[in-house]
Amino acid sequence: MEKGANQLVMVANARIPSQRAQSLQVMYAGQAFVAQGCATTLLHAKRRDTSALAGPALACYYGLPADTSLQVQAVGCVDAIDRVPRSMQFLPARMQEWTFASRAARLVDAEFKGAIVLTREVETAFRMAPRDGIFWEVPCPSSTG
């Protein structure tokens, strides 16, 4: 079976590992797909100043089974957001989003032909739009009022 056939690729512009809820949620969602028998790969942003945990150590960080078959792969991107003052981070953040989306889309096309792709990133969904099997998860606004 070619890599990508009968497979799910989750694309998340998130630091992995991270203490943020988004990273925790995508790791648990990936593990849930694996637990249901779906070969799943999580592509995430390779960000500066992020520890390089992998395999059982990464699973342990998130409280997942050490023997999980969830594949986790970092995708390089331009990451200069934290090198400038907060008031000047808009353009570096857009550059990080754009380069991550472009490189993740190229990686999916090159290595995961035939895979279903699930992403929350509008930039990634836009880059992959002509491809079949792209699902963009759109959060619903909370109704607190």
C-alpha atoms as a PDB file:
ATOM      1  CA  MET A   1       0.000   0.000   0.000  1.00  0.00           C
ATOM      2  CA  GLU A   2       1.419   3.405  -0.945  1.00  0.00           C
ATOM      3  CA  LYS A   3       1.993   5.904   1.822  1.00  0.00           C
ATOM      4  CA  GLY A   4      -1.171   7.967   2.095  1.00  0.00           C
ATOM      5  CA  ALA A   5      -3.684   5.425   0.836  1.00  0.00           C
ATOM      6  CA  ASN A   6      -6.331   4.666   3.477  1.00  0.00           C
ATOM      7  CA  GLN A   7      -4.775   7.265   5.736  1.00  0.00           C
ATOM      8  CA  LEU A   8      -5.743  10.454   7.527  1.00  0.00           C
ATOM      9  CA  VAL A   9      -3.374  13.416   7.644  1.00  0.00           C
ATOM     10  CA  MET A  10      -4.124  16.055  10.249  1.00  0.00           C
ATOM     11  CA  VAL A  11      -2.466  19.425   9.555  1.00  0.00           C
ATOM     12  CA  ALA A  12      -2.114  21.740  12.549  1.00  0.00           C
ATOM     13  CA  ASN A  13      -0.098  24.944  12.676  1.00  0.00           C
ATOM     14  CA  ALA A  14       0.729  24.305  16.308  1.00  0.00           C
ATOM     15  CA  ARG A  15       3.806  23.842  18.456  1.00  0.00           C
ATOM     16  CA  ILE A  16       4.238  20.200  19.393  1.00  0.00           C
ATOM     17  CA  PRO A  17       4.951  19.746  22.241  1.00  0.00           C
ATOM     18  CA  SER A  18       3.227  22.681  23.854  1.00  0.00           C
ATOM     19  CA  GLN A  19       1.205  23.340  26.971  1.00  0.00           C
ATOM     20  CA  ARG A  20      -1.530  25.035  24.903  1.00  0.00           C
ATOM     21  CA  ALA A  21      -4.969  23.512  24.507  1.00  0.00           C
ATOM     22  CA  GLN A  22      -4.775  23.365  20.692  1.00  0.00           C
ATOM     23  CA  SER A  23      -1.765  21.041  20.793  1.00  0.00           C
ATOM     24  CA  LEU A  24      -3.368  18.841  23.420  1.00  0.00           C
ATOM     25  CA  GLN A  25      -6.598  18.644  21.407  1.00  0.00           C
ATOM     26  CA  VAL A  26      -4.942  17.698  18.112  1.00  0.00           C
ATOM     27  CA  MET A  27      -2.818  15.025  19.800  1.00  0.00           C
ATOM     28  CA  TYR A  28      -5.884  13.513  21.493  1.00  0.00           C
ATOM     29  CA  ALA A  29      -7.918  13.727  18.274  1.00  0.00           C
ATOM     30  CA  GLY A  30      -5.121  11.968  16.390  1.00  0.00           C
ATOM     31  CA  GLN A  31      -4.969   9.248  19.038  1.00  0.00           C
ATOM     32  CA  ALA A  32      -8.758   8.839  18.851  1.00  0.00           C
ATOM     33  CA  PHE A  33      -8.535   8.214  15.094  1.00  0.00           C
ATOM     34  CA  VAL A  34      -5.731   5.693  15.691  1.00  0.00           C
ATOM     35  CA  ALA A  35      -7.817   3.942  18.367  1.00  0.00           C
ATOM     36  CA  GLN A  36     -10.579   3.503  15.757  1.00  0.00           C
ATOM     37  CA  GLY A  37      -8.128   1.816  13.381  1.00  0.00           C
ATOM     38  CA  CYS A  38      -7.310   4.786  11.134  1.00  0.00           C
ATOM     39  CA  ALA A  39      -3.655   5.214  10.156  1.00  0.00           C
ATOM     40  CA  THR A  40      -3.096   8.836  11.174  1.00  0.00           C
ATOM     41  CA  THR A  41      -0.241  11.294  10.707  1.00  0.00           C
ATOM     42  CA  LEU A  42      -0.174  14.696  12.388  1.00  0.00           C
ATOM     43  CA  LEU A  43       1.813  17.376  10.546  1.00  0.00           C
ATOM     44  CA  HIS A  44       2.675  20.314  12.800  1.00  0.00           C
ATOM     45  CA  ALA A  45       4.777  23.455  12.597  1.00  0.00           C
ATOM     46  CA  LYS A  46       8.445  23.107  13.451  1.00  0.00           C
ATOM     47  CA  ARG A  47       8.882  26.210  15.589  1.00  0.00           C
ATOM     48  CA  ARG A  48      11.936  27.802  17.195  1.00  0.00           C
ATOM     49  CA  ASP A  49      12.568  27.189  20.873  1.00  0.00           C
ATOM     50  CA  THR A  50      10.344  24.084  20.984  1.00  0.00           C
ATOM     51  CA  SER A  51      11.751  20.919  22.509  1.00  0.00           C
ATOM     52  CA  ALA A  52      12.180  17.996  20.150  1.00  0.00           C
ATOM     53  CA  LEU A  53      10.185  15.251  21.840  1.00  0.00           C
ATOM     54  CA  ALA A  54       9.230  12.249  19.719  1.00  0.00           C
ATOM     55  CA  GLY A  55       7.895   8.722  20.037  1.00  0.00           C
ATOM     56  CA  PRO A  56       7.124   7.465  23.542  1.00  0.00           C
ATOM     57  CA  ALA A  57       8.461  10.649  25.191  1.00  0.00           C
ATOM     58  CA  LEU A  58       6.008  12.785  23.186  1.00  0.00           C
ATOM     59  CA  ALA A  59       3.154  10.377  23.920  1.00  0.00           C
ATOM     60  CA  CYS A  60       4.026  10.490  27.635  1.00  0.00           C
ATOM     61  CA  TYR A  61       4.079  14.325  27.569  1.00  0.00           C
ATOM     62  CA  TYR A  62       0.431  14.266  26.465  1.00  0.00           C
ATOM     63  CA  GLY A  63      -0.626  11.271  28.548  1.00  0.00           C
ATOM     64  CA  LEU A  64      -1.131   9.058  25.484  1.00  0.00           C
ATOM     65  CA  PRO A  65      -0.240   5.364  25.342  1.00  0.00           C
ATOM     66  CA  ALA A  66       3.528   4.978  24.881  1.00  0.00           C
ATOM     67  CA  ASP A  67       2.931   2.453  22.101  1.00  0.00           C
ATOM     68  CA  THR A  68       0.649   4.736  20.067  1.00  0.00           C
ATOM     69  CA  SER A  69       0.912   4.406  16.301  1.00  0.00           C
ATOM     70  CA  LEU A  70       0.018   8.081  15.798  1.00  0.00           C
ATOM     71  CA  GLN A  71       2.739   9.429  13.506  1.00  0.00           C
ATOM     72  CA  VAL A  72       3.863  12.981  14.272  1.00  0.00           C
ATOM     73  CA  GLN A  73       5.965  14.941  11.794  1.00  0.00           C
ATOM     74  CA  ALA A  74       7.296  18.507  11.987  1.00  0.00           C
ATOM     75  CA  VAL A  75       7.040  20.775   8.944  1.00  0.00           C
ATOM     76  CA  GLY A  76       9.551  23.603   8.639  1.00  0.00           C
ATOM     77  CA  CYS A  77       8.391  27.197   8.372  1.00  0.00           C
ATOM     78  CA  VAL A  78       9.771  30.711   8.645  1.00  0.00           C
ATOM     79  CA  ASP A  79       9.507  31.502  12.347  1.00  0.00           C
ATOM     80  CA  ALA A  80      10.526  35.002  13.382  1.00  0.00           C
ATOM     81  CA  ILE A  81       7.416  35.903  15.371  1.00  0.00           C
ATOM     82  CA  ASP A  82       9.111  35.971  18.772  1.00  0.00           C
ATOM     83  CA  ARG A  83      12.118  37.909  17.475  1.00  0.00           C
ATOM     84  CA  VAL A  84      10.202  41.177  17.255  1.00  0.00           C
ATOM     85  CA  PRO A  85       8.176  43.143  19.826  1.00  0.00           C
ATOM     86  CA  ARG A  86       4.531  42.083  20.180  1.00  0.00           C
ATOM     87  CA  SER A  87       3.320  45.269  18.482  1.00  0.00           C
ATOM     88  CA  MET A  88       5.237  44.275  15.322  1.00  0.00           C
ATOM     89  CA  GLN A  89       4.309  40.580  15.157  1.00  0.00           C
ATOM     90  CA  PHE A  90       1.480  40.779  12.598  1.00  0.00           C
ATOM     91  CA  LEU A  91       3.624  40.351   9.459  1.00  0.00           C
ATOM     92  CA  PRO A  92       5.991  37.711  10.915  1.00  0.00           C
ATOM     93  CA  ALA A  93       2.939  35.725  12.087  1.00  0.00           C
ATOM     94  CA  ARG A  94       1.395  35.840   8.602  1.00  0.00           C
ATOM     95  CA  MET A  95       4.740  34.726   7.097  1.00  0.00           C
ATOM     96  CA  GLN A  96       4.878  31.797   9.526  1.00  0.00           C
ATOM     97  CA  GLU A  97       1.296  30.792   8.654  1.00  0.00           C
ATOM     98  CA  TRP A  98       1.895  31.122   4.908  1.00  0.00           C
ATOM     99  CA  THR A  99       5.174  29.176   4.847  1.00  0.00           C
ATOM    100  CA  PHE A 100       3.762  26.419   7.063  1.00  0.00           C
ATOM    101  CA  ALA A 101       0.662  26.092   4.859  1.00  0.00           C
ATOM    102  CA  SER A 102       2.715  26.009   1.649  1.00  0.00           C
ATOM    103  CA  ARG A 103       5.200  23.443   2.914  1.00  0.00           C
ATOM    104  CA  ALA A 104       2.530  21.256   4.510  1.00  0.00           C
ATOM    105  CA  ALA A 105       0.533  21.269   1.252  1.00  0.00           C
ATOM    106  CA  ARG A 106       3.629  20.284  -0.751  1.00  0.00           C
ATOM    107  CA  LEU A 107       4.441  17.519   1.715  1.00  0.00           C
ATOM    108  CA  VAL A 108       0.914  16.104   1.545  1.00  0.00           C
ATOM    109  CA  ASP A 109       1.008  16.162  -2.266  1.00  0.00           C
ATOM    110  CA  ALA A 110       4.442  14.510  -2.358  1.00  0.00           C
ATOM    111  CA  GLU A 111       4.145  11.886   0.386  1.00  0.00           C
ATOM    112  CA  PHE A 112       0.468  11.329   1.173  1.00  0.00           C
ATOM    113  CA  LYS A 113      -1.294  10.937  -2.174  1.00  0.00           C
ATOM    114  CA  GLY A 114      -4.783   9.583  -1.651  1.00  0.00           C
ATOM    115  CA  ALA A 115      -4.915  10.520   2.033  1.00  0.00           C
ATOM    116  CA  ILE A 116      -7.839  12.325   3.616  1.00  0.00           C
ATOM    117  CA  VAL A 117      -6.664  15.679   5.038  1.00  0.00           C
ATOM    118  CA  LEU A 118      -8.204  17.363   8.080  1.00  0.00           C
ATOM    119  CA  THR A 119      -7.075  20.887   8.964  1.00  0.00           C
ATOM    120  CA  ARG A 120      -8.198  23.869  11.005  1.00  0.00           C
ATOM    121  CA  GLU A 121      -5.912  26.187   9.102  1.00  0.00           C
ATOM    122  CA  VAL A 122      -7.646  28.291   6.460  1.00  0.00           C
ATOM    123  CA  GLU A 123      -4.276  28.877   4.774  1.00  0.00           C
ATOM    124  CA  THR A 124      -3.694  25.133   4.445  1.00  0.00           C
ATOM    125  CA  ALA A 125      -7.234  24.472   3.225  1.00  0.00           C
ATOM    126  CA  PHE A 126      -6.842  27.247   0.643  1.00  0.00           C
ATOM    127  CA  ARG A 127      -3.496  25.877  -0.613  1.00  0.00           C
ATOM    128  CA  MET A 128      -4.977  22.384  -1.002  1.00  0.00           C
ATOM    129  CA  ALA A 129      -8.387  23.461  -2.348  1.00  0.00           C
ATOM    130  CA  PRO A 130      -8.042  21.866  -5.803  1.00  0.00           C
ATOM    131  CA  ARG A 131      -7.291  18.487  -4.192  1.00  0.00           C
ATOM    132  CA  ASP A 132     -10.028  16.000  -3.269  1.00  0.00           C
ATOM    133  CA  GLY A 133     -10.428  14.815   0.319  1.00  0.00           C
ATOM    134  CA  ILE A 134      -9.675  18.079   2.138  1.00  0.00           C
ATOM    135  CA  PHE A 135     -11.768  18.824   5.205  1.00  0.00           C
ATOM    136  CA  TRP A 136     -11.528  22.207   6.901  1.00  0.00           C
ATOM    137  CA  GLU A 137     -12.647  22.231  10.525  1.00  0.00           C
ATOM    138  CA  VAL A 138     -14.261  25.575  11.243  1.00  0.00           C
ATOM    139  CA  PRO A 139     -14.870  26.473  14.898  1.00  0.00           C
ATOM    140  CA  CYS A 140     -18.314  27.716  15.803  1.00  0.00           C
ATOM    141  CA  PRO A 141     -18.490  30.973  17.735  1.00  0.00           C
ATOM    142  CA  SER A 142     -19.455  30.453  21.324  1.00  0.00           C
ATOM    143  CA  SER A 143     -22.916  31.532  22.393  1.00  0.00           C
ATOM    144  CA  THR A 144     -22.366  33.037  25.804  1.00  0.00           C
ATOM    145  CA  GLY A 145     -25.038  35.647  25.656  1.00  0.00           C
END
